[in-house]
Amino acid sequence: MTKVLAGKIENQGAKKLFGIVIFVIIMAGCFYLYFLGATIKGIINSSDNTKRLQTVSSEYQQLEENYYTLLGRFNLEYAHSLGFVDQPKNEFAVREIAVAQR
């Protein structure tokens, strides 16, 4: 009788252990699929970000080209054409009385 009970207890322990092992394998598979999907989404987002970065970079280059074109237009002749004149003598504002004098 004790041998039969001991055999049943060992079989129940083996069944529990087998169930735990199967559960762990299934959970590991689920985690693997989740992280694989997250990695693929990250790669897709990275390629989308690269495309957006190329677009922004080309827009930046165009704006920079326009900036340098406009900057080249502002020179002394352009200022004279707008009515500015050269100042004949450099004059500076000077204070006659020193402030902190003993």
N, C-alpha and C. Protein backbone atom coordinates (compact mmCIF):
# COMPACT_ATOMS: atom_id res chain seq x y z
N MET A 1 0.82 -1.18 0.00
CA MET A 1 0.00 0.00 0.00
C MET A 1 0.87 1.26 0.00
N THR A 2 1.90 1.29 0.81
CA THR A 2 2.77 2.44 0.85
C THR A 2 3.54 2.59 -0.45
N LYS A 3 3.86 1.46 -1.09
CA LYS A 3 4.57 1.55 -2.36
C LYS A 3 3.67 2.15 -3.44
N VAL A 4 2.42 1.84 -3.42
CA VAL A 4 1.47 2.38 -4.40
C VAL A 4 1.30 3.88 -4.17
N LEU A 5 1.18 4.29 -2.90
CA LEU A 5 1.04 5.72 -2.60
C LEU A 5 2.31 6.48 -2.99
N ALA A 6 3.47 5.89 -2.73
CA ALA A 6 4.73 6.54 -3.08
C ALA A 6 4.83 6.70 -4.59
N GLY A 7 4.40 5.71 -5.36
CA GLY A 7 4.43 5.80 -6.82
C GLY A 7 3.50 6.88 -7.33
N LYS A 8 2.31 7.01 -6.71
CA LYS A 8 1.36 8.05 -7.12
C LYS A 8 1.91 9.44 -6.82
N ILE A 9 2.55 9.58 -5.67
CA ILE A 9 3.12 10.89 -5.29
C ILE A 9 4.23 11.26 -6.27
N GLU A 10 5.09 10.31 -6.65
CA GLU A 10 6.16 10.59 -7.60
C GLU A 10 5.60 10.96 -8.96
N ASN A 11 4.53 10.27 -9.39
CA ASN A 11 3.90 10.59 -10.68
C ASN A 11 3.29 11.98 -10.66
N GLN A 12 2.67 12.36 -9.54
CA GLN A 12 2.07 13.69 -9.44
C GLN A 12 3.16 14.76 -9.46
N GLY A 13 4.29 14.51 -8.80
CA GLY A 13 5.40 15.46 -8.80
C GLY A 13 5.99 15.61 -10.20
N ALA A 14 6.11 14.51 -10.92
CA ALA A 14 6.64 14.57 -12.28
C ALA A 14 5.68 15.31 -13.20
N LYS A 15 4.39 15.11 -13.02
CA LYS A 15 3.40 15.81 -13.83
C LYS A 15 3.44 17.32 -13.58
N LYS A 16 3.59 17.70 -12.29
CA LYS A 16 3.68 19.12 -11.96
C LYS A 16 4.94 19.73 -12.57
N LEU A 17 6.06 19.00 -12.46
CA LEU A 17 7.32 19.47 -13.01
C LEU A 17 7.21 19.61 -14.53
N PHE A 18 6.60 18.64 -15.19
CA PHE A 18 6.41 18.68 -16.64
C PHE A 18 5.53 19.88 -17.03
N GLY A 19 4.47 20.11 -16.26
CA GLY A 19 3.58 21.25 -16.52
C GLY A 19 4.31 22.57 -16.37
N ILE A 20 5.16 22.65 -15.35
CA ILE A 20 5.94 23.88 -15.13
C ILE A 20 6.91 24.11 -16.28
N VAL A 21 7.57 23.05 -16.73
CA VAL A 21 8.53 23.16 -17.84
C VAL A 21 7.80 23.60 -19.11
N ILE A 22 6.66 23.02 -19.39
CA ILE A 22 5.88 23.41 -20.58
C ILE A 22 5.45 24.87 -20.47
N PHE A 23 5.00 25.30 -19.29
CA PHE A 23 4.59 26.69 -19.08
C PHE A 23 5.76 27.65 -19.32
N VAL A 24 6.93 27.30 -18.80
CA VAL A 24 8.11 28.15 -18.97
C VAL A 24 8.48 28.23 -20.44
N ILE A 25 8.40 27.12 -21.17
CA ILE A 25 8.74 27.13 -22.60
C ILE A 25 7.74 28.00 -23.37
N ILE A 26 6.47 27.89 -23.05
CA ILE A 26 5.46 28.71 -23.73
C ILE A 26 5.67 30.19 -23.42
N MET A 27 5.96 30.53 -22.18
CA MET A 27 6.20 31.93 -21.81
C MET A 27 7.45 32.46 -22.50
N ALA A 28 8.50 31.65 -22.57
CA ALA A 28 9.71 32.08 -23.27
C ALA A 28 9.42 32.34 -24.74
N GLY A 29 8.59 31.49 -25.36
CA GLY A 29 8.20 31.71 -26.75
C GLY A 29 7.42 32.99 -26.92
N CYS A 30 6.52 33.26 -25.99
CA CYS A 30 5.73 34.51 -26.05
C CYS A 30 6.62 35.73 -25.91
N PHE A 31 7.55 35.69 -24.96
CA PHE A 31 8.49 36.80 -24.79
C PHE A 31 9.35 36.98 -26.03
N TYR A 32 9.78 35.88 -26.63
CA TYR A 32 10.59 35.95 -27.84
C TYR A 32 9.82 36.63 -28.96
N LEU A 33 8.57 36.23 -29.16
CA LEU A 33 7.75 36.83 -30.22
C LEU A 33 7.49 38.31 -29.94
N TYR A 34 7.26 38.66 -28.68
CA TYR A 34 7.03 40.06 -28.33
C TYR A 34 8.27 40.91 -28.63
N PHE A 35 9.42 40.46 -28.18
CA PHE A 35 10.64 41.24 -28.40
C PHE A 35 11.05 41.25 -29.87
N LEU A 36 10.76 40.19 -30.60
CA LEU A 36 11.03 40.17 -32.03
C LEU A 36 10.16 41.21 -32.73
N GLY A 37 8.88 41.27 -32.37
CA GLY A 37 7.99 42.28 -32.95
C GLY A 37 8.41 43.69 -32.59
N ALA A 38 8.84 43.90 -31.36
CA ALA A 38 9.29 45.23 -30.94
C ALA A 38 10.54 45.64 -31.72
N THR A 39 11.43 44.70 -31.97
CA THR A 39 12.64 44.99 -32.73
C THR A 39 12.30 45.36 -34.17
N ILE A 40 11.38 44.61 -34.77
CA ILE A 40 10.98 44.90 -36.15
C ILE A 40 10.32 46.26 -36.23
N LYS A 41 9.46 46.61 -35.27
CA LYS A 41 8.84 47.94 -35.26
C LYS A 41 9.90 49.03 -35.12
N GLY A 42 10.91 48.78 -34.30
CA GLY A 42 11.99 49.74 -34.14
C GLY A 42 12.76 49.96 -35.43
N ILE A 43 12.99 48.88 -36.17
CA ILE A 43 13.70 48.99 -37.46
C ILE A 43 12.85 49.76 -38.46
N ILE A 44 11.56 49.50 -38.49
CA ILE A 44 10.67 50.21 -39.41
C ILE A 44 10.64 51.70 -39.06
N ASN A 45 10.52 52.01 -37.77
CA ASN A 45 10.52 53.41 -37.35
C ASN A 45 11.84 54.08 -37.67
N SER A 46 12.92 53.35 -37.56
CA SER A 46 14.24 53.90 -37.86
C SER A 46 14.34 54.26 -39.34
N SER A 47 13.83 53.40 -40.21
CA SER A 47 13.89 53.71 -41.65
C SER A 47 12.98 54.90 -41.97
N ASP A 48 11.82 54.99 -41.31
CA ASP A 48 10.95 56.15 -41.52
C ASP A 48 11.63 57.43 -41.05
N ASN A 49 12.31 57.35 -39.91
CA ASN A 49 13.02 58.53 -39.39
C ASN A 49 14.16 58.92 -40.33
N THR A 50 14.81 57.95 -40.94
CA THR A 50 15.88 58.25 -41.89
C THR A 50 15.33 58.98 -43.10
N LYS A 51 14.17 58.55 -43.59
CA LYS A 51 13.54 59.23 -44.73
C LYS A 51 13.17 60.67 -44.36
N ARG A 52 12.60 60.85 -43.17
CA ARG A 52 12.24 62.20 -42.72
C ARG A 52 13.48 63.07 -42.55
N LEU A 53 14.54 62.48 -42.05
CA LEU A 53 15.79 63.23 -41.87
C LEU A 53 16.36 63.67 -43.22
N GLN A 54 16.26 62.82 -44.23
CA GLN A 54 16.73 63.21 -45.57
C GLN A 54 15.89 64.36 -46.11
N THR A 55 14.59 64.32 -45.89
CA THR A 55 13.71 65.39 -46.35
C THR A 55 14.05 66.71 -45.66
N VAL A 56 14.20 66.65 -44.35
CA VAL A 56 14.53 67.86 -43.59
C VAL A 56 15.91 68.38 -43.99
N SER A 57 16.85 67.49 -44.23
CA SER A 57 18.19 67.89 -44.63
C SER A 57 18.16 68.60 -45.98
N SER A 58 17.38 68.10 -46.93
CA SER A 58 17.30 68.76 -48.24
C SER A 58 16.62 70.13 -48.11
N GLU A 59 15.58 70.23 -47.26
CA GLU A 59 14.95 71.52 -47.02
C GLU A 59 15.93 72.50 -46.38
N TYR A 60 16.73 71.99 -45.45
CA TYR A 60 17.73 72.83 -44.79
C TYR A 60 18.75 73.34 -45.81
N GLN A 61 19.19 72.47 -46.70
CA GLN A 61 20.17 72.89 -47.71
C GLN A 61 19.58 73.96 -48.62
N GLN A 62 18.30 73.81 -48.99
CA GLN A 62 17.65 74.80 -49.84
C GLN A 62 17.53 76.14 -49.12
N LEU A 63 17.14 76.12 -47.85
CA LEU A 63 17.04 77.36 -47.08
C LEU A 63 18.41 78.02 -46.91
N GLU A 64 19.43 77.21 -46.68
CA GLU A 64 20.77 77.75 -46.53
C GLU A 64 21.25 78.39 -47.83
N GLU A 65 20.93 77.75 -48.95
CA GLU A 65 21.30 78.32 -50.25
C GLU A 65 20.59 79.66 -50.46
N ASN A 66 19.30 79.73 -50.12
CA ASN A 66 18.56 80.99 -50.24
C ASN A 66 19.15 82.06 -49.32
N TYR A 67 19.55 81.65 -48.13
CA TYR A 67 20.14 82.59 -47.17
C TYR A 67 21.43 83.19 -47.73
N TYR A 68 22.29 82.35 -48.27
CA TYR A 68 23.56 82.86 -48.79
C TYR A 68 23.34 83.71 -50.04
N THR A 69 22.31 83.39 -50.83
CA THR A 69 22.00 84.22 -51.99
C THR A 69 21.56 85.61 -51.53
N LEU A 70 20.69 85.67 -50.54
CA LEU A 70 20.25 86.97 -50.01
C LEU A 70 21.38 87.70 -49.31
N LEU A 71 22.23 86.97 -48.62
CA LEU A 71 23.35 87.60 -47.91
C LEU A 71 24.33 88.22 -48.89
N GLY A 72 24.54 87.59 -50.03
CA GLY A 72 25.43 88.14 -51.04
C GLY A 72 24.88 89.41 -51.66
N ARG A 73 23.57 89.59 -51.59
CA ARG A 73 22.94 90.77 -52.16
C ARG A 73 23.18 92.02 -51.31
N PHE A 74 23.39 91.85 -50.02
CA PHE A 74 23.59 92.99 -49.13
C PHE A 74 25.07 93.38 -49.12
N ASN A 75 25.38 94.42 -49.84
CA ASN A 75 26.75 94.94 -49.88
C ASN A 75 26.69 96.47 -49.92
N LEU A 76 27.81 97.08 -50.13
CA LEU A 76 27.88 98.54 -50.08
C LEU A 76 27.08 99.18 -51.22
N GLU A 77 27.14 98.61 -52.42
CA GLU A 77 26.38 99.18 -53.54
C GLU A 77 24.87 99.10 -53.28
N TYR A 78 24.42 98.00 -52.68
CA TYR A 78 23.00 97.85 -52.37
C TYR A 78 22.57 98.90 -51.34
N ALA A 79 23.43 99.16 -50.35
CA ALA A 79 23.12 100.18 -49.35
C ALA A 79 23.05 101.57 -50.00
N HIS A 80 23.96 101.85 -50.93
CA HIS A 80 23.92 103.15 -51.62
C HIS A 80 22.67 103.26 -52.48
N SER A 81 22.23 102.13 -53.09
CA SER A 81 21.03 102.19 -53.93
C SER A 81 19.78 102.45 -53.08
N LEU A 82 19.83 102.11 -51.80
CA LEU A 82 18.69 102.38 -50.91
C LEU A 82 18.73 103.79 -50.33
N GLY A 83 19.79 104.53 -50.61
CA GLY A 83 19.84 105.91 -50.15
C GLY A 83 20.80 106.14 -49.01
N PHE A 84 21.49 105.15 -48.56
CA PHE A 84 22.48 105.36 -47.51
C PHE A 84 23.71 106.03 -48.12
N VAL A 85 24.35 106.88 -47.33
CA VAL A 85 25.55 107.59 -47.80
C VAL A 85 26.68 107.31 -46.83
N ASP A 86 27.91 107.45 -47.34
CA ASP A 86 29.08 107.27 -46.49
C ASP A 86 29.21 108.47 -45.57
N GLN A 87 29.62 108.21 -44.36
CA GLN A 87 29.81 109.28 -43.39
C GLN A 87 31.20 109.85 -43.63
N PRO A 88 31.30 111.19 -43.78
CA PRO A 88 32.61 111.77 -44.11
C PRO A 88 33.63 111.64 -42.98
N LYS A 89 33.21 111.72 -41.76
CA LYS A 89 34.17 111.69 -40.66
C LYS A 89 33.58 110.84 -39.54
N ASN A 90 34.41 109.98 -38.95
CA ASN A 90 33.93 109.17 -37.83
C ASN A 90 33.82 110.04 -36.59
N GLU A 91 32.66 110.07 -36.01
CA GLU A 91 32.45 110.84 -34.80
C GLU A 91 31.99 109.90 -33.70
N PHE A 92 32.50 110.12 -32.53
CA PHE A 92 32.17 109.28 -31.39
C PHE A 92 31.61 110.13 -30.27
N ALA A 93 30.73 109.57 -29.49
CA ALA A 93 30.18 110.27 -28.34
C ALA A 93 31.21 110.20 -27.21
N VAL A 94 31.57 111.35 -26.65
CA VAL A 94 32.58 111.40 -25.60
C VAL A 94 32.01 112.19 -24.44
N ARG A 95 32.23 111.71 -23.24
CA ARG A 95 31.79 112.42 -22.05
C ARG A 95 32.95 113.30 -21.58
N GLU A 96 32.65 114.54 -21.37
CA GLU A 96 33.70 115.49 -20.99
C GLU A 96 34.12 115.32 -19.54
N ILE A 97 33.18 115.07 -18.64
CA ILE A 97 33.49 114.99 -17.22
C ILE A 97 33.53 113.50 -16.83
N ALA A 98 34.60 113.10 -16.19
CA ALA A 98 34.70 111.73 -15.72
C ALA A 98 33.76 111.53 -14.54
N VAL A 99 33.17 110.40 -14.41
CA VAL A 99 32.18 110.17 -13.38
C VAL A 99 32.84 109.92 -12.03
N ALA A 100 33.76 109.02 -11.96
CA ALA A 100 34.38 108.65 -10.69
C ALA A 100 35.75 109.29 -10.61
N GLN A 101 35.77 110.57 -10.25
CA GLN A 101 37.05 111.27 -10.20
C GLN A 101 37.22 111.87 -8.81
N ARG A 102 38.43 111.78 -8.23
CA ARG A 102 38.68 112.35 -6.91
C ARG A 102 39.53 113.56 -7.00
